[in-house]
Amino acid sequence: MTNDPDQIRADIERTRSSLGSDVDALADKVSPSHIVDRQTEAVKNKLGSVRDSIMGARDDAGGAVSDASDTVVQKAKGNPLAVGLIALGAGWLLSSLIPVSEKEKEVASKAKDVAQPLVDEVTDAAKGVAAELKEPATDAVNAVRDTATSAAENVKGEATSSAETVKSEASSSTETVKGSAQDAKHTVQQQGS
């Protein structure tokens, strides 16, 4: 993890944006009107496929009907369960071709009305969570900035103090060396005379 305040702000903004997108997607996914639209589209697609299948089968069925009728009668006598399953399938097919009734529309509308407050509540809760995360994130950024500023000031102070100490010790050492050199010079001169 980085201590760079700009990087932390960018991470917070990315997280906030991602959370907002997730909330919007969730609200869109659970919206009753979108659910009804998706189901309506699926039924229309299925109806189109069945219609195409029926139209194509009608053309092919003309010649095969006379041959198939004898075969069907023989098979039905031998397998009544298959006849029942075919009848069930035909019933489902017909029910999918019948348009949606007013009662079904009314029930879908009521479901939408009942679910809408829940969608609003989830959306509000998610926005509240995002708002609650903003303050701690801002506090964290401020704490990191304050810590970094304090650390920089401490380093600067210690560097200044160390520089002054080195300067003072260097001056003292210079004086000591000069003094020792003078003493050595006098000693050499005295011995040479």
C-alpha atoms as a PDB file:
ATOM      1  CA  MET A   1       0.000   0.000   0.000  1.00  0.00           C
ATOM      2  CA  THR A   2       1.265   3.441  -0.875  1.00  0.00           C
ATOM      3  CA  ASN A   3       1.540   6.442   1.423  1.00  0.00           C
ATOM      4  CA  ASP A   4       1.190   8.913  -1.453  1.00  0.00           C
ATOM      5  CA  PRO A   5      -1.933  11.022  -0.725  1.00  0.00           C
ATOM      6  CA  ASP A   6      -2.679  11.520  -4.422  1.00  0.00           C
ATOM      7  CA  GLN A   7      -2.547   7.764  -5.017  1.00  0.00           C
ATOM      8  CA  ILE A   8      -4.811   7.141  -2.020  1.00  0.00           C
ATOM      9  CA  ARG A   9      -7.287   9.740  -3.317  1.00  0.00           C
ATOM     10  CA  ALA A  10      -7.251   8.081  -6.744  1.00  0.00           C
ATOM     11  CA  ASP A  11      -7.859   4.658  -5.165  1.00  0.00           C
ATOM     12  CA  ILE A  12     -10.751   6.049  -3.133  1.00  0.00           C
ATOM     13  CA  GLU A  13     -12.275   7.674  -6.206  1.00  0.00           C
ATOM     14  CA  ARG A  14     -11.950   4.423  -8.209  1.00  0.00           C
ATOM     15  CA  THR A  15     -13.586   2.475  -5.387  1.00  0.00           C
ATOM     16  CA  ARG A  16     -16.389   5.029  -5.095  1.00  0.00           C
ATOM     17  CA  SER A  17     -16.983   4.951  -8.855  1.00  0.00           C
ATOM     18  CA  SER A  18     -16.997   1.150  -8.921  1.00  0.00           C
ATOM     19  CA  LEU A  19     -19.423   1.043  -5.996  1.00  0.00           C
ATOM     20  CA  GLY A  20     -21.708   3.535  -7.752  1.00  0.00           C
ATOM     21  CA  SER A  21     -21.653   1.431 -10.932  1.00  0.00           C
ATOM     22  CA  ASP A  22     -22.436  -1.706  -8.947  1.00  0.00           C
ATOM     23  CA  VAL A  23     -25.354   0.005  -7.213  1.00  0.00           C
ATOM     24  CA  ASP A  24     -26.721   1.278 -10.530  1.00  0.00           C
ATOM     25  CA  ALA A  25     -26.384  -2.191 -12.099  1.00  0.00           C
ATOM     26  CA  LEU A  26     -28.110  -3.784  -9.107  1.00  0.00           C
ATOM     27  CA  ALA A  27     -30.948  -1.258  -9.237  1.00  0.00           C
ATOM     28  CA  ASP A  28     -31.307  -1.876 -12.978  1.00  0.00           C
ATOM     29  CA  LYS A  29     -31.247  -5.661 -12.515  1.00  0.00           C
ATOM     30  CA  VAL A  30     -33.964  -5.716  -9.830  1.00  0.00           C
ATOM     31  CA  SER A  31     -36.159  -3.051 -11.387  1.00  0.00           C
ATOM     32  CA  PRO A  32     -39.581  -4.679 -11.975  1.00  0.00           C
ATOM     33  CA  SER A  33     -40.071  -2.803 -15.230  1.00  0.00           C
ATOM     34  CA  HIS A  34     -36.753  -4.144 -16.570  1.00  0.00           C
ATOM     35  CA  ILE A  35     -37.630  -7.660 -15.402  1.00  0.00           C
ATOM     36  CA  VAL A  36     -40.970  -7.449 -17.207  1.00  0.00           C
ATOM     37  CA  ASP A  37     -39.235  -6.068 -20.319  1.00  0.00           C
ATOM     38  CA  ARG A  38     -36.683  -8.901 -20.330  1.00  0.00           C
ATOM     39  CA  GLN A  39     -39.373 -11.554 -19.886  1.00  0.00           C
ATOM     40  CA  THR A  40     -41.530  -9.968 -22.582  1.00  0.00           C
ATOM     41  CA  GLU A  41     -38.587  -9.960 -24.989  1.00  0.00           C
ATOM     42  CA  ALA A  42     -37.821 -13.602 -24.180  1.00  0.00           C
ATOM     43  CA  VAL A  43     -41.448 -14.600 -24.857  1.00  0.00           C
ATOM     44  CA  LYS A  44     -41.458 -12.655 -28.141  1.00  0.00           C
ATOM     45  CA  ASN A  45     -38.243 -14.376 -29.232  1.00  0.00           C
ATOM     46  CA  LYS A  46     -39.659 -17.776 -28.309  1.00  0.00           C
ATOM     47  CA  LEU A  47     -42.893 -17.008 -30.169  1.00  0.00           C
ATOM     48  CA  GLY A  48     -40.930 -15.988 -33.263  1.00  0.00           C
ATOM     49  CA  SER A  49     -38.914 -19.221 -33.135  1.00  0.00           C
ATOM     50  CA  VAL A  50     -42.057 -21.314 -32.741  1.00  0.00           C
ATOM     51  CA  ARG A  51     -43.803 -19.426 -35.537  1.00  0.00           C
ATOM     52  CA  ASP A  52     -40.832 -19.948 -37.879  1.00  0.00           C
ATOM     53  CA  SER A  53     -40.680 -23.588 -36.911  1.00  0.00           C
ATOM     54  CA  ILE A  54     -44.400 -24.030 -37.557  1.00  0.00           C
ATOM     55  CA  MET A  55     -44.279 -22.258 -40.926  1.00  0.00           C
ATOM     56  CA  GLY A  56     -41.333 -24.366 -42.060  1.00  0.00           C
ATOM     57  CA  ALA A  57     -42.953 -27.530 -40.797  1.00  0.00           C
ATOM     58  CA  ARG A  58     -46.220 -26.717 -42.610  1.00  0.00           C
ATOM     59  CA  ASP A  59     -44.458 -26.747 -45.968  1.00  0.00           C
ATOM     60  CA  ASP A  60     -42.774 -30.065 -45.251  1.00  0.00           C
ATOM     61  CA  ALA A  61     -45.823 -31.600 -43.662  1.00  0.00           C
ATOM     62  CA  GLY A  62     -48.047 -31.675 -46.764  1.00  0.00           C
ATOM     63  CA  GLY A  63     -46.513 -34.790 -48.295  1.00  0.00           C
ATOM     64  CA  ALA A  64     -45.752 -36.520 -45.035  1.00  0.00           C
ATOM     65  CA  VAL A  65     -49.230 -36.181 -43.499  1.00  0.00           C
ATOM     66  CA  SER A  66     -50.770 -39.046 -45.398  1.00  0.00           C
ATOM     67  CA  ASP A  67     -47.892 -41.402 -44.554  1.00  0.00           C
ATOM     68  CA  ALA A  68     -47.586 -40.216 -40.985  1.00  0.00           C
ATOM     69  CA  SER A  69     -51.243 -40.646 -40.045  1.00  0.00           C
ATOM     70  CA  ASP A  70     -51.023 -44.412 -40.350  1.00  0.00           C
ATOM     71  CA  THR A  71     -47.733 -44.488 -38.453  1.00  0.00           C
ATOM     72  CA  VAL A  72     -49.070 -42.226 -35.665  1.00  0.00           C
ATOM     73  CA  VAL A  73     -52.115 -44.389 -35.116  1.00  0.00           C
ATOM     74  CA  GLN A  74     -49.955 -47.494 -34.836  1.00  0.00           C
ATOM     75  CA  LYS A  75     -47.451 -45.820 -32.479  1.00  0.00           C
ATOM     76  CA  ALA A  76     -50.217 -44.326 -30.308  1.00  0.00           C
ATOM     77  CA  LYS A  77     -51.747 -47.729 -29.754  1.00  0.00           C
ATOM     78  CA  GLY A  78     -48.362 -49.078 -28.726  1.00  0.00           C
ATOM     79  CA  ASN A  79     -47.297 -46.124 -26.508  1.00  0.00           C
ATOM     80  CA  PRO A  80     -50.076 -44.122 -24.794  1.00  0.00           C
ATOM     81  CA  LEU A  81     -47.542 -42.268 -22.595  1.00  0.00           C
ATOM     82  CA  ALA A  82     -46.007 -40.653 -25.672  1.00  0.00           C
ATOM     83  CA  VAL A  83     -49.450 -39.444 -26.762  1.00  0.00           C
ATOM     84  CA  GLY A  84     -49.961 -37.855 -23.353  1.00  0.00           C
ATOM     85  CA  LEU A  85     -46.578 -36.094 -23.500  1.00  0.00           C
ATOM     86  CA  ILE A  86     -47.307 -34.807 -26.997  1.00  0.00           C
ATOM     87  CA  ALA A  87     -50.672 -33.458 -25.825  1.00  0.00           C
ATOM     88  CA  LEU A  88     -48.957 -31.745 -22.890  1.00  0.00           C
ATOM     89  CA  GLY A  89     -46.381 -30.182 -25.217  1.00  0.00           C
ATOM     90  CA  ALA A  90     -49.096 -28.991 -27.575  1.00  0.00           C
ATOM     91  CA  GLY A  91     -50.909 -27.411 -24.633  1.00  0.00           C
ATOM     92  CA  TRP A  92     -47.768 -25.554 -23.575  1.00  0.00           C
ATOM     93  CA  LEU A  93     -47.208 -24.427 -27.139  1.00  0.00           C
ATOM     94  CA  LEU A  94     -50.721 -23.035 -27.397  1.00  0.00           C
ATOM     95  CA  SER A  95     -50.430 -21.300 -24.026  1.00  0.00           C
ATOM     96  CA  SER A  96     -47.231 -19.567 -25.162  1.00  0.00           C
ATOM     97  CA  LEU A  97     -48.973 -18.328 -28.316  1.00  0.00           C
ATOM     98  CA  ILE A  98     -51.870 -16.758 -26.406  1.00  0.00           C
ATOM     99  CA  PRO A  99     -51.278 -13.070 -25.615  1.00  0.00           C
ATOM    100  CA  VAL A 100     -50.817 -11.902 -22.031  1.00  0.00           C
ATOM    101  CA  SER A 101     -54.139 -11.355 -20.266  1.00  0.00           C
ATOM    102  CA  GLU A 102     -55.184  -8.200 -18.455  1.00  0.00           C
ATOM    103  CA  LYS A 103     -55.016 -10.084 -15.159  1.00  0.00           C
ATOM    104  CA  GLU A 104     -51.389 -11.043 -15.837  1.00  0.00           C
ATOM    105  CA  LYS A 105     -50.579  -7.433 -16.729  1.00  0.00           C
ATOM    106  CA  GLU A 106     -52.285  -6.291 -13.534  1.00  0.00           C
ATOM    107  CA  VAL A 107     -50.303  -8.765 -11.413  1.00  0.00           C
ATOM    108  CA  ALA A 108     -47.048  -7.659 -13.074  1.00  0.00           C
ATOM    109  CA  SER A 109     -47.933  -4.021 -12.400  1.00  0.00           C
ATOM    110  CA  LYS A 110     -48.686  -4.778  -8.739  1.00  0.00           C
ATOM    111  CA  ALA A 111     -45.399  -6.652  -8.415  1.00  0.00           C
ATOM    112  CA  LYS A 112     -43.613  -3.639  -9.853  1.00  0.00           C
ATOM    113  CA  ASP A 113     -45.382  -1.285  -7.437  1.00  0.00           C
ATOM    114  CA  VAL A 114     -44.563  -3.518  -4.464  1.00  0.00           C
ATOM    115  CA  ALA A 115     -40.923  -3.974  -5.466  1.00  0.00           C
ATOM    116  CA  GLN A 116     -40.226  -0.309  -6.280  1.00  0.00           C
ATOM    117  CA  PRO A 117     -39.881   0.798  -2.623  1.00  0.00           C
ATOM    118  CA  LEU A 118     -37.405  -2.044  -2.092  1.00  0.00           C
ATOM    119  CA  VAL A 119     -35.392  -0.920  -5.103  1.00  0.00           C
ATOM    120  CA  ASP A 120     -35.421   2.645  -3.786  1.00  0.00           C
ATOM    121  CA  GLU A 121     -34.401   1.450  -0.326  1.00  0.00           C
ATOM    122  CA  VAL A 122     -31.474  -0.590  -1.685  1.00  0.00           C
ATOM    123  CA  THR A 123     -30.373   2.349  -3.833  1.00  0.00           C
ATOM    124  CA  ASP A 124     -30.570   4.751  -0.883  1.00  0.00           C
ATOM    125  CA  ALA A 125     -28.719   2.316   1.385  1.00  0.00           C
ATOM    126  CA  ALA A 126     -25.929   1.895  -1.148  1.00  0.00           C
ATOM    127  CA  LYS A 127     -25.632   5.654  -1.565  1.00  0.00           C
ATOM    128  CA  GLY A 128     -25.543   5.995   2.225  1.00  0.00           C
ATOM    129  CA  VAL A 129     -22.730   3.462   2.448  1.00  0.00           C
ATOM    130  CA  ALA A 130     -20.803   5.370  -0.217  1.00  0.00           C
ATOM    131  CA  ALA A 131     -21.320   8.619   1.705  1.00  0.00           C
ATOM    132  CA  GLU A 132     -20.231   6.971   4.965  1.00  0.00           C
ATOM    133  CA  LEU A 133     -17.065   5.682   3.295  1.00  0.00           C
ATOM    134  CA  LYS A 134     -16.184   9.143   2.013  1.00  0.00           C
ATOM    135  CA  GLU A 135     -15.564  10.661   5.464  1.00  0.00           C
ATOM    136  CA  PRO A 136     -13.276   7.881   6.802  1.00  0.00           C
ATOM    137  CA  ALA A 137     -11.371   7.899   3.515  1.00  0.00           C
ATOM    138  CA  THR A 138     -10.903  11.658   3.741  1.00  0.00           C
ATOM    139  CA  ASP A 139      -9.784  11.293   7.358  1.00  0.00           C
ATOM    140  CA  ALA A 140      -7.289   8.619   6.321  1.00  0.00           C
ATOM    141  CA  VAL A 141      -5.888  10.856   3.583  1.00  0.00           C
ATOM    142  CA  ASN A 142      -5.570  13.744   6.048  1.00  0.00           C
ATOM    143  CA  ALA A 143      -3.872  11.506   8.628  1.00  0.00           C
ATOM    144  CA  VAL A 144      -1.376  10.266   6.040  1.00  0.00           C
ATOM    145  CA  ARG A 145      -0.699  13.836   4.893  1.00  0.00           C
ATOM    146  CA  ASP A 146      -0.209  15.022   8.496  1.00  0.00           C
ATOM    147  CA  THR A 147       2.114  12.107   9.252  1.00  0.00           C
ATOM    148  CA  ALA A 148       4.121  12.755   6.082  1.00  0.00           C
ATOM    149  CA  THR A 149       4.373  16.478   6.878  1.00  0.00           C
ATOM    150  CA  SER A 150       5.452  15.769  10.450  1.00  0.00           C
ATOM    151  CA  ALA A 151       8.020  13.224   9.280  1.00  0.00           C
ATOM    152  CA  ALA A 152       9.407  15.688   6.726  1.00  0.00           C
ATOM    153  CA  GLU A 153       9.686  18.386   9.398  1.00  0.00           C
ATOM    154  CA  ASN A 154      11.442  15.950  11.767  1.00  0.00           C
ATOM    155  CA  VAL A 155      13.913  14.919   9.070  1.00  0.00           C
ATOM    156  CA  LYS A 156      14.558  18.566   8.189  1.00  0.00           C
ATOM    157  CA  GLY A 157      15.088  19.474  11.855  1.00  0.00           C
ATOM    158  CA  GLU A 158      17.422  16.548  12.461  1.00  0.00           C
ATOM    159  CA  ALA A 159      19.365  17.306   9.273  1.00  0.00           C
ATOM    160  CA  THR A 160      19.771  20.956  10.291  1.00  0.00           C
ATOM    161  CA  SER A 161      20.839  19.965  13.799  1.00  0.00           C
ATOM    162  CA  SER A 162      23.295  17.387  12.446  1.00  0.00           C
ATOM    163  CA  ALA A 163      24.733  19.926   9.997  1.00  0.00           C
ATOM    164  CA  GLU A 164      25.245  22.443  12.801  1.00  0.00           C
ATOM    165  CA  THR A 165      26.865  19.785  14.998  1.00  0.00           C
ATOM    166  CA  VAL A 166      29.213  18.736  12.184  1.00  0.00           C
ATOM    167  CA  LYS A 167      30.067  22.394  11.465  1.00  0.00           C
ATOM    168  CA  SER A 168      30.757  23.079  15.133  1.00  0.00           C
ATOM    169  CA  GLU A 169      32.887  19.957  15.527  1.00  0.00           C
ATOM    170  CA  ALA A 170      34.759  20.763  12.303  1.00  0.00           C
ATOM    171  CA  SER A 171      35.545  24.268  13.597  1.00  0.00           C
ATOM    172  CA  SER A 172      36.647  22.845  16.918  1.00  0.00           C
ATOM    173  CA  SER A 173      38.810  20.240  15.187  1.00  0.00           C
ATOM    174  CA  THR A 174      40.302  22.923  12.945  1.00  0.00           C
ATOM    175  CA  GLU A 175      41.240  25.013  15.970  1.00  0.00           C
ATOM    176  CA  THR A 176      42.702  21.974  17.709  1.00  0.00           C
ATOM    177  CA  VAL A 177      44.759  21.054  14.629  1.00  0.00           C
ATOM    178  CA  LYS A 178      45.964  24.670  14.260  1.00  0.00           C
ATOM    179  CA  GLY A 179      46.928  24.725  17.914  1.00  0.00           C
ATOM    180  CA  SER A 180      48.766  21.406  17.648  1.00  0.00           C
ATOM    181  CA  ALA A 181      50.543  22.593  14.485  1.00  0.00           C
ATOM    182  CA  GLN A 182      51.651  25.793  16.231  1.00  0.00           C
ATOM    183  CA  ASP A 183      52.901  23.787  19.213  1.00  0.00           C
ATOM    184  CA  ALA A 184      54.769  21.403  16.919  1.00  0.00           C
ATOM    185  CA  LYS A 185      56.274  24.339  15.022  1.00  0.00           C
ATOM    186  CA  HIS A 186      57.524  25.933  18.229  1.00  0.00           C
ATOM    187  CA  THR A 187      58.889  22.637  19.449  1.00  0.00           C
ATOM    188  CA  VAL A 188      60.753  22.060  16.170  1.00  0.00           C
ATOM    189  CA  GLN A 189      62.130  25.608  16.203  1.00  0.00           C
ATOM    190  CA  GLN A 190      63.298  25.251  19.772  1.00  0.00           C
ATOM    191  CA  GLN A 191      65.015  21.989  19.055  1.00  0.00           C
ATOM    192  CA  GLY A 192      66.624  23.404  15.930  1.00  0.00           C
ATOM    193  CA  SER A 193      68.156  26.349  17.750  1.00  0.00           C
END
